[in-house]
Amino acid sequence: VFVQWILVFILTIHLFPVNNLRTAYMDLISGRAMAYHKEMNARYEWIDLHKGEDVVLQPLKVMPKSLFMTDIEPGHPEDWKNLCTSDYFYLQSLNLTKPTE
């Protein structure tokens, strides 16, 4: 019965026009939100272990469609997102490896 209700819920979502609520539900149902959450928690743990140092992070593999932001800039430690994020976490600098690495 539970599976039937889930299927009805998913079908109901597909009947509505594309909007923010549908996008958020699809991120939850597809698992993108959970994968993003796990990646960000791993990043926060890594950053916490390296406070005051130069930190280089791996790019995010999953970015939910419901988020209207981008990741920090790879190869540009002087970018404002990298500078603000490194200041927030008390890092000397923050950078992202290029996606091809």
C-alpha atoms as a PDB file:
ATOM      1  CA  VAL A   1       0.000   0.000   0.000  1.00  0.00           C
ATOM      2  CA  PHE A   2       2.877   2.346   0.844  1.00  0.00           C
ATOM      3  CA  VAL A   3       4.467   1.808  -2.565  1.00  0.00           C
ATOM      4  CA  GLN A   4       1.158   2.564  -4.256  1.00  0.00           C
ATOM      5  CA  TRP A   5       0.885   5.878  -2.406  1.00  0.00           C
ATOM      6  CA  ILE A   6       4.442   6.767  -3.410  1.00  0.00           C
ATOM      7  CA  LEU A   7       3.636   6.010  -7.053  1.00  0.00           C
ATOM      8  CA  VAL A   8       0.467   8.119  -6.867  1.00  0.00           C
ATOM      9  CA  PHE A   9       2.500  10.940  -5.330  1.00  0.00           C
ATOM     10  CA  ILE A  10       5.131  10.756  -8.080  1.00  0.00           C
ATOM     11  CA  LEU A  11       2.495  10.697 -10.807  1.00  0.00           C
ATOM     12  CA  THR A  12       0.713  13.659  -9.212  1.00  0.00           C
ATOM     13  CA  ILE A  13       3.940  15.642  -9.215  1.00  0.00           C
ATOM     14  CA  HIS A  14       4.358  14.978 -12.936  1.00  0.00           C
ATOM     15  CA  LEU A  15       0.892  16.349 -13.656  1.00  0.00           C
ATOM     16  CA  PHE A  16       1.766  19.778 -12.277  1.00  0.00           C
ATOM     17  CA  PRO A  17       3.787  22.267 -14.319  1.00  0.00           C
ATOM     18  CA  VAL A  18       7.494  22.537 -13.630  1.00  0.00           C
ATOM     19  CA  ASN A  19       8.019  24.793 -10.642  1.00  0.00           C
ATOM     20  CA  ASN A  20      10.307  25.059  -7.625  1.00  0.00           C
ATOM     21  CA  LEU A  21       8.280  22.656  -5.512  1.00  0.00           C
ATOM     22  CA  ARG A  22       8.340  19.950  -8.167  1.00  0.00           C
ATOM     23  CA  THR A  23      12.080  20.481  -8.656  1.00  0.00           C
ATOM     24  CA  ALA A  24      12.704  20.111  -4.914  1.00  0.00           C
ATOM     25  CA  TYR A  25      10.600  16.949  -4.701  1.00  0.00           C
ATOM     26  CA  MET A  26      12.432  15.445  -7.660  1.00  0.00           C
ATOM     27  CA  ASP A  27      15.777  16.192  -5.981  1.00  0.00           C
ATOM     28  CA  LEU A  28      14.539  14.378  -2.875  1.00  0.00           C
ATOM     29  CA  ILE A  29      13.045  11.415  -4.721  1.00  0.00           C
ATOM     30  CA  SER A  30      16.022  10.953  -7.065  1.00  0.00           C
ATOM     31  CA  GLY A  31      18.532  10.999  -4.215  1.00  0.00           C
ATOM     32  CA  ARG A  32      20.421  14.056  -5.502  1.00  0.00           C
ATOM     33  CA  ALA A  33      19.666  15.961  -2.288  1.00  0.00           C
ATOM     34  CA  MET A  34      21.031  13.155  -0.105  1.00  0.00           C
ATOM     35  CA  ALA A  35      24.152  12.735  -2.233  1.00  0.00           C
ATOM     36  CA  TYR A  36      24.798  16.490  -2.086  1.00  0.00           C
ATOM     37  CA  HIS A  37      24.282  16.456   1.693  1.00  0.00           C
ATOM     38  CA  LYS A  38      26.843  13.658   2.116  1.00  0.00           C
ATOM     39  CA  GLU A  39      29.390  15.421  -0.110  1.00  0.00           C
ATOM     40  CA  MET A  40      29.008  18.700   1.753  1.00  0.00           C
ATOM     41  CA  ASN A  41      29.322  17.015   5.159  1.00  0.00           C
ATOM     42  CA  ALA A  42      32.534  15.324   3.987  1.00  0.00           C
ATOM     43  CA  ARG A  43      33.825  18.732   2.855  1.00  0.00           C
ATOM     44  CA  TYR A  44      32.966  20.327   6.198  1.00  0.00           C
ATOM     45  CA  GLU A  45      34.792  17.568   8.083  1.00  0.00           C
ATOM     46  CA  TRP A  46      37.859  18.005   5.855  1.00  0.00           C
ATOM     47  CA  ILE A  47      37.789  21.787   6.310  1.00  0.00           C
ATOM     48  CA  ASP A  48      37.408  21.407  10.080  1.00  0.00           C
ATOM     49  CA  LEU A  49      40.525  19.214  10.199  1.00  0.00           C
ATOM     50  CA  HIS A  50      42.589  21.778   8.231  1.00  0.00           C
ATOM     51  CA  LYS A  51      41.647  25.125   9.790  1.00  0.00           C
ATOM     52  CA  GLY A  52      44.260  27.813   9.156  1.00  0.00           C
ATOM     53  CA  GLU A  53      45.778  25.959   6.216  1.00  0.00           C
ATOM     54  CA  ASP A  54      45.588  26.128   2.434  1.00  0.00           C
ATOM     55  CA  VAL A  55      42.768  23.764   1.485  1.00  0.00           C
ATOM     56  CA  VAL A  56      42.114  22.237  -1.934  1.00  0.00           C
ATOM     57  CA  LEU A  57      38.788  20.437  -2.360  1.00  0.00           C
ATOM     58  CA  GLN A  58      37.414  18.066  -4.959  1.00  0.00           C
ATOM     59  CA  PRO A  59      34.559  19.396  -7.115  1.00  0.00           C
ATOM     60  CA  LEU A  60      31.050  18.381  -6.179  1.00  0.00           C
ATOM     61  CA  LYS A  61      29.823  15.384  -8.146  1.00  0.00           C
ATOM     62  CA  VAL A  62      26.143  16.071  -7.520  1.00  0.00           C
ATOM     63  CA  MET A  63      24.416  19.461  -7.562  1.00  0.00           C
ATOM     64  CA  PRO A  64      20.656  19.391  -6.946  1.00  0.00           C
ATOM     65  CA  LYS A  65      18.635  21.341  -9.489  1.00  0.00           C
ATOM     66  CA  SER A  66      16.751  23.109  -6.690  1.00  0.00           C
ATOM     67  CA  LEU A  67      19.900  24.974  -5.584  1.00  0.00           C
ATOM     68  CA  PHE A  68      20.449  28.318  -7.276  1.00  0.00           C
ATOM     69  CA  MET A  69      24.132  28.594  -6.484  1.00  0.00           C
ATOM     70  CA  THR A  70      27.356  27.279  -7.852  1.00  0.00           C
ATOM     71  CA  ASP A  71      30.354  25.652  -6.279  1.00  0.00           C
ATOM     72  CA  ILE A  72      33.523  27.585  -5.510  1.00  0.00           C
ATOM     73  CA  GLU A  73      35.650  28.373  -8.563  1.00  0.00           C
ATOM     74  CA  PRO A  74      38.332  25.860  -9.596  1.00  0.00           C
ATOM     75  CA  GLY A  75      41.792  27.263 -10.177  1.00  0.00           C
ATOM     76  CA  HIS A  76      40.879  30.769  -8.974  1.00  0.00           C
ATOM     77  CA  PRO A  77      41.697  31.156  -5.271  1.00  0.00           C
ATOM     78  CA  GLU A  78      41.220  34.935  -5.656  1.00  0.00           C
ATOM     79  CA  ASP A  79      37.567  34.568  -6.729  1.00  0.00           C
ATOM     80  CA  TRP A  80      35.163  36.262  -4.300  1.00  0.00           C
ATOM     81  CA  LYS A  81      33.336  32.978  -3.496  1.00  0.00           C
ATOM     82  CA  ASN A  82      36.615  31.286  -2.610  1.00  0.00           C
ATOM     83  CA  LEU A  83      37.794  34.259  -0.524  1.00  0.00           C
ATOM     84  CA  CYS A  84      34.519  34.616   1.387  1.00  0.00           C
ATOM     85  CA  THR A  85      34.259  30.884   2.020  1.00  0.00           C
ATOM     86  CA  SER A  86      37.858  30.661   3.245  1.00  0.00           C
ATOM     87  CA  ASP A  87      37.300  33.643   5.564  1.00  0.00           C
ATOM     88  CA  TYR A  88      34.124  32.074   6.924  1.00  0.00           C
ATOM     89  CA  PHE A  89      35.890  28.790   7.758  1.00  0.00           C
ATOM     90  CA  TYR A  90      39.116  30.496   9.003  1.00  0.00           C
ATOM     91  CA  LEU A  91      41.267  29.036   6.230  1.00  0.00           C
ATOM     92  CA  GLN A  92      44.373  30.584   4.760  1.00  0.00           C
ATOM     93  CA  SER A  93      43.077  29.896   1.256  1.00  0.00           C
ATOM     94  CA  LEU A  94      40.521  27.703  -0.444  1.00  0.00           C
ATOM     95  CA  ASN A  95      40.659  26.284  -3.921  1.00  0.00           C
ATOM     96  CA  LEU A  96      39.008  23.586  -5.983  1.00  0.00           C
ATOM     97  CA  THR A  97      40.746  21.086  -8.202  1.00  0.00           C
ATOM     98  CA  LYS A  98      39.789  21.270 -11.837  1.00  0.00           C
ATOM     99  CA  PRO A  99      37.052  18.777 -12.783  1.00  0.00           C
ATOM    100  CA  THR A 100      39.381  16.952 -15.209  1.00  0.00           C
ATOM    101  CA  GLU A 101      41.920  16.129 -12.516  1.00  0.00           C
END
